[in-house]
């Protein structure tokens, strides 16, 4: 069930135009310079861009894998515990983070619909 950071990294870097960089001293994944996901300092949790609505659904549907800390409560991001998340959930969250970060032109170029909501 768990996914490790190496597998998460491979999934992130497989998305169009995503590059690895850093944020707050940890590995981060950026789409044309815009942050879409990063590893937390604990080495076992990642933070992903999401929508407010999706975050609420994730917290209900995946309470062991998804959480929000006080730091992120006022921002549309969700934390994902890699040890409690499988590849399908990580893939879905990375794809959504990509959709939310991409410009409309970039989404069109790759045939990706706008994010819901």
Protein backbone atom coordinates (compact mmCIF):
# COMPACT_ATOMS: atom_id res chain seq x y z
CA UNK A 1 0.00 0.00 0.00
CA UNK A 2 2.76 2.48 0.86
CA UNK A 3 4.64 4.48 -1.72
CA UNK A 4 8.17 5.66 -1.08
CA UNK A 5 9.60 9.03 -2.04
CA UNK A 6 11.62 7.57 -4.94
CA UNK A 7 8.40 6.29 -6.53
CA UNK A 8 6.63 9.58 -5.79
CA UNK A 9 9.51 11.46 -7.42
CA UNK A 10 9.27 9.28 -10.54
CA UNK A 11 5.53 9.91 -10.79
CA UNK A 12 5.99 13.67 -10.42
CA UNK A 13 8.80 13.88 -12.97
CA UNK A 14 6.75 11.88 -15.49
CA UNK A 15 4.25 14.75 -15.70
CA UNK A 16 4.75 17.26 -18.54
CA UNK A 17 7.21 20.10 -17.87
CA UNK A 18 7.72 19.17 -14.21
CA UNK A 19 11.20 19.73 -12.84
CA UNK A 20 12.74 18.92 -9.50
CA UNK A 21 14.03 21.78 -7.41
CA UNK A 22 13.88 22.62 -3.75
CA UNK A 23 11.59 24.41 -1.35
CA UNK A 24 12.42 25.06 2.30
CA UNK A 25 15.51 22.90 1.86
CA UNK A 26 13.64 19.78 0.70
CA UNK A 27 13.04 18.30 -2.76
CA UNK A 28 10.19 20.00 -4.57
CA UNK A 29 8.41 19.57 -7.88
CA UNK A 30 7.67 22.63 -9.92
CA UNK A 31 5.78 23.23 -13.11
CA UNK A 32 7.53 26.01 -14.99
CA UNK A 33 8.83 27.39 -11.71
CA UNK A 34 5.53 27.16 -9.81
CA UNK A 35 5.47 24.85 -6.80
CA UNK A 36 3.05 21.94 -7.06
CA UNK A 37 4.44 19.47 -4.49
CA UNK A 38 7.29 19.14 -2.01
CA UNK A 39 8.70 16.75 0.54
CA UNK A 40 8.22 17.82 4.14
CA UNK A 41 11.17 17.94 6.51
CA UNK A 42 10.11 14.66 8.13
CA UNK A 43 11.02 12.80 4.92
CA UNK A 44 7.78 10.81 4.92
CA UNK A 45 5.14 13.37 4.09
CA UNK A 46 4.60 15.39 0.93
CA UNK A 47 2.59 18.57 0.46
CA UNK A 48 0.51 18.94 -2.70
CA UNK A 49 -1.44 21.77 -4.25
CA UNK A 50 -5.17 20.98 -4.24
CA UNK A 51 -8.51 22.74 -4.30
CA UNK A 52 -10.46 23.59 -1.17
CA UNK A 53 -13.26 21.19 -2.15
CA UNK A 54 -10.94 18.34 -3.03
CA UNK A 55 -9.00 18.75 0.19
CA UNK A 56 -12.17 18.37 2.25
CA UNK A 57 -13.10 15.21 0.31
CA UNK A 58 -9.60 13.78 0.75
CA UNK A 59 -9.65 14.35 4.51
CA UNK A 60 -12.92 12.40 4.75
CA UNK A 61 -12.12 9.63 2.24
CA UNK A 62 -8.45 9.06 3.17
CA UNK A 63 -8.04 10.06 6.84
CA UNK A 64 -4.96 7.85 7.39
CA UNK A 65 -3.14 9.21 4.34
CA UNK A 66 -4.29 12.84 4.11
CA UNK A 67 -4.07 15.59 6.69
CA UNK A 68 -3.74 19.33 7.16
CA UNK A 69 -1.57 21.05 9.73
CA UNK A 70 -2.26 24.47 11.18
CA UNK A 71 0.38 25.92 8.85
CA UNK A 72 -1.60 24.83 5.75
CA UNK A 73 -5.14 25.33 7.11
CA UNK A 74 -5.53 28.71 5.37
CA UNK A 75 -4.01 27.51 2.08
CA UNK A 76 -5.32 25.09 -0.57
CA UNK A 77 -2.71 22.37 0.06
CA UNK A 78 -2.97 18.86 1.49
CA UNK A 79 -0.36 16.72 3.20
CA UNK A 80 0.02 13.09 2.15
CA UNK A 81 1.64 10.47 4.40
CA UNK A 82 3.56 8.31 1.95
CA UNK A 83 3.53 5.28 4.29
CA UNK A 84 -0.29 5.34 4.29
CA UNK A 85 -0.83 6.20 0.62
CA UNK A 86 -0.70 3.89 -2.34
CA UNK A 87 0.46 4.63 -5.86
CA UNK A 88 -3.10 5.28 -7.18
CA UNK A 89 -3.79 8.01 -4.61
CA UNK A 90 -0.37 9.62 -5.06
CA UNK A 91 -0.81 9.55 -8.84
CA UNK A 92 -4.25 11.14 -8.65
CA UNK A 93 -3.06 13.88 -6.30
CA UNK A 94 -0.02 14.66 -8.45
CA UNK A 95 -2.18 14.87 -11.58
CA UNK A 96 -4.56 17.22 -9.82
CA UNK A 97 -1.70 19.35 -8.53
CA UNK A 98 -0.39 19.54 -12.11
CA UNK A 99 -3.83 20.58 -13.42
CA UNK A 100 -4.16 23.29 -10.78
CA UNK A 101 -0.67 24.63 -11.42
CA UNK A 102 -0.68 24.52 -15.23
CA UNK A 103 -1.74 27.49 -17.31
CA UNK A 104 -4.81 27.05 -19.55
CA UNK A 105 -2.52 27.02 -22.60
CA UNK A 106 -0.37 24.27 -21.12
CA UNK A 107 -3.43 22.19 -20.22
CA UNK A 108 -4.77 22.60 -23.77
CA UNK A 109 -1.42 21.63 -25.28
CA UNK A 110 -1.47 18.37 -23.32
CA UNK A 111 -5.19 17.74 -23.81
CA UNK A 112 -5.98 18.08 -20.11
CA UNK A 113 -9.32 19.39 -18.96
CA UNK A 114 -9.44 22.27 -16.47
CA UNK A 115 -9.57 21.11 -12.86
CA UNK A 116 -13.08 20.67 -11.45
CA UNK A 117 -14.53 23.39 -9.28
